[in-house]
Amino acid sequence: KNKFFILKKTFKDLFNKGFIYISNSLIMILVLFVWKLGGGLRFYYNYRALNAIIKIDRYPLLLIKET
C-alpha cells in the first residue's frame, strides 16, 4: 500500500505542475513510473508510437549561413 500512495502522490504532483494533463488528442503516449535506486519514482514516457507516424520533412529549410 505504501508504494501505491507514493505513486499517487508523485502523479498528483506532476499533474499539478502541468507535466501530465488531460487531452482530447487522438494520439496517446505510454507513461510509466520507474523506481529509482535511491528511492522515489522516475517519470518515463515512450514516444515510439508517435515517432512511427510522424512524417519527416523531405524539403528542410536551408539555414541562412548556407545560402
C-alpha atoms as a PDB file:
ATOM      1  CA  LYS A   1       0.000   0.000   0.000  1.00  0.00           C
ATOM      2  CA  ASN A   2       2.896   2.350   0.708  1.00  0.00           C
ATOM      3  CA  LYS A   3       4.105   2.130  -2.920  1.00  0.00           C
ATOM      4  CA  PHE A   4       0.622   2.982  -4.168  1.00  0.00           C
ATOM      5  CA  PHE A   5       0.499   6.133  -2.031  1.00  0.00           C
ATOM      6  CA  ILE A   6       3.947   7.212  -3.271  1.00  0.00           C
ATOM      7  CA  LEU A   7       2.806   6.653  -6.869  1.00  0.00           C
ATOM      8  CA  LYS A   8      -0.420   8.580  -6.258  1.00  0.00           C
ATOM      9  CA  LYS A   9       1.460  11.492  -4.648  1.00  0.00           C
ATOM     10  CA  THR A  10       4.001  11.622  -7.487  1.00  0.00           C
ATOM     11  CA  PHE A  11       1.235  11.555 -10.096  1.00  0.00           C
ATOM     12  CA  LYS A  12      -0.684  14.359  -8.350  1.00  0.00           C
ATOM     13  CA  ASP A  13       2.477  16.475  -8.082  1.00  0.00           C
ATOM     14  CA  LEU A  14       3.237  16.067 -11.801  1.00  0.00           C
ATOM     15  CA  PHE A  15      -0.400  16.777 -12.687  1.00  0.00           C
ATOM     16  CA  ASN A  16      -0.455  19.943 -10.566  1.00  0.00           C
ATOM     17  CA  LYS A  17       2.818  21.144 -12.151  1.00  0.00           C
ATOM     18  CA  GLY A  18       1.351  20.636 -15.631  1.00  0.00           C
ATOM     19  CA  PHE A  19       3.664  17.822 -16.765  1.00  0.00           C
ATOM     20  CA  ILE A  20       0.655  15.500 -17.039  1.00  0.00           C
ATOM     21  CA  TYR A  21      -2.667  16.817 -18.294  1.00  0.00           C
ATOM     22  CA  ILE A  22      -5.948  15.638 -19.762  1.00  0.00           C
ATOM     23  CA  SER A  23      -6.050  15.841 -23.544  1.00  0.00           C
ATOM     24  CA  ASN A  24      -8.585  15.233 -26.297  1.00  0.00           C
ATOM     25  CA  SER A  25      -5.876  14.226 -28.760  1.00  0.00           C
ATOM     26  CA  LEU A  26      -6.187  11.053 -30.821  1.00  0.00           C
ATOM     27  CA  ILE A  27      -2.571  10.196 -30.024  1.00  0.00           C
ATOM     28  CA  MET A  28      -1.697   8.657 -26.673  1.00  0.00           C
ATOM     29  CA  ILE A  29       1.765   8.261 -25.202  1.00  0.00           C
ATOM     30  CA  LEU A  30       2.671   5.445 -22.845  1.00  0.00           C
ATOM     31  CA  VAL A  31       3.596   6.836 -19.434  1.00  0.00           C
ATOM     32  CA  LEU A  32       5.445   4.758 -16.860  1.00  0.00           C
ATOM     33  CA  PHE A  33       6.787   5.354 -13.393  1.00  0.00           C
ATOM     34  CA  VAL A  34      10.041   3.524 -12.666  1.00  0.00           C
ATOM     35  CA  TRP A  35      11.507   3.115  -9.193  1.00  0.00           C
ATOM     36  CA  LYS A  36      14.857   4.862  -8.721  1.00  0.00           C
ATOM     37  CA  LEU A  37      17.697   3.030  -6.985  1.00  0.00           C
ATOM     38  CA  GLY A  38      17.827   5.624  -4.209  1.00  0.00           C
ATOM     39  CA  GLY A  39      14.051   5.584  -3.723  1.00  0.00           C
ATOM     40  CA  GLY A  40      11.339   7.645  -5.303  1.00  0.00           C
ATOM     41  CA  LEU A  41       9.857   7.412  -8.758  1.00  0.00           C
ATOM     42  CA  ARG A  42      11.099   8.457 -12.171  1.00  0.00           C
ATOM     43  CA  PHE A  43       8.619   9.701 -14.775  1.00  0.00           C
ATOM     44  CA  TYR A  44       9.189   7.913 -18.101  1.00  0.00           C
ATOM     45  CA  TYR A  45       7.289   8.375 -21.355  1.00  0.00           C
ATOM     46  CA  ASN A  46       7.598   6.406 -24.564  1.00  0.00           C
ATOM     47  CA  TYR A  47       7.312   8.293 -27.866  1.00  0.00           C
ATOM     48  CA  ARG A  48       7.890   5.266 -30.145  1.00  0.00           C
ATOM     49  CA  ALA A  49       4.267   5.088 -31.333  1.00  0.00           C
ATOM     50  CA  LEU A  50       4.222   8.828 -32.032  1.00  0.00           C
ATOM     51  CA  ASN A  51       7.566   8.726 -33.856  1.00  0.00           C
ATOM     52  CA  ALA A  52       6.301   5.880 -36.058  1.00  0.00           C
ATOM     53  CA  ILE A  53       3.535   8.038 -37.577  1.00  0.00           C
ATOM     54  CA  ILE A  54       5.373  11.362 -37.871  1.00  0.00           C
ATOM     55  CA  LYS A  55       6.283  12.289 -41.445  1.00  0.00           C
ATOM     56  CA  ILE A  56       9.818  13.581 -41.916  1.00  0.00           C
ATOM     57  CA  ASP A  57      10.113  16.871 -43.799  1.00  0.00           C
ATOM     58  CA  ARG A  58      11.597  15.992 -47.196  1.00  0.00           C
ATOM     59  CA  TYR A  59      12.394  19.605 -48.017  1.00  0.00           C
ATOM     60  CA  PRO A  60      14.014  21.135 -44.950  1.00  0.00           C
ATOM     61  CA  LEU A  61      14.548  24.880 -44.883  1.00  0.00           C
ATOM     62  CA  LEU A  62      18.109  25.974 -45.562  1.00  0.00           C
ATOM     63  CA  LEU A  63      19.981  27.866 -42.917  1.00  0.00           C
ATOM     64  CA  ILE A  64      20.752  31.495 -43.708  1.00  0.00           C
ATOM     65  CA  LYS A  65      24.502  30.825 -43.460  1.00  0.00           C
ATOM     66  CA  GLU A  66      24.288  28.128 -46.158  1.00  0.00           C
ATOM     67  CA  THR A  67      22.596  30.344 -48.756  1.00  0.00           C
END
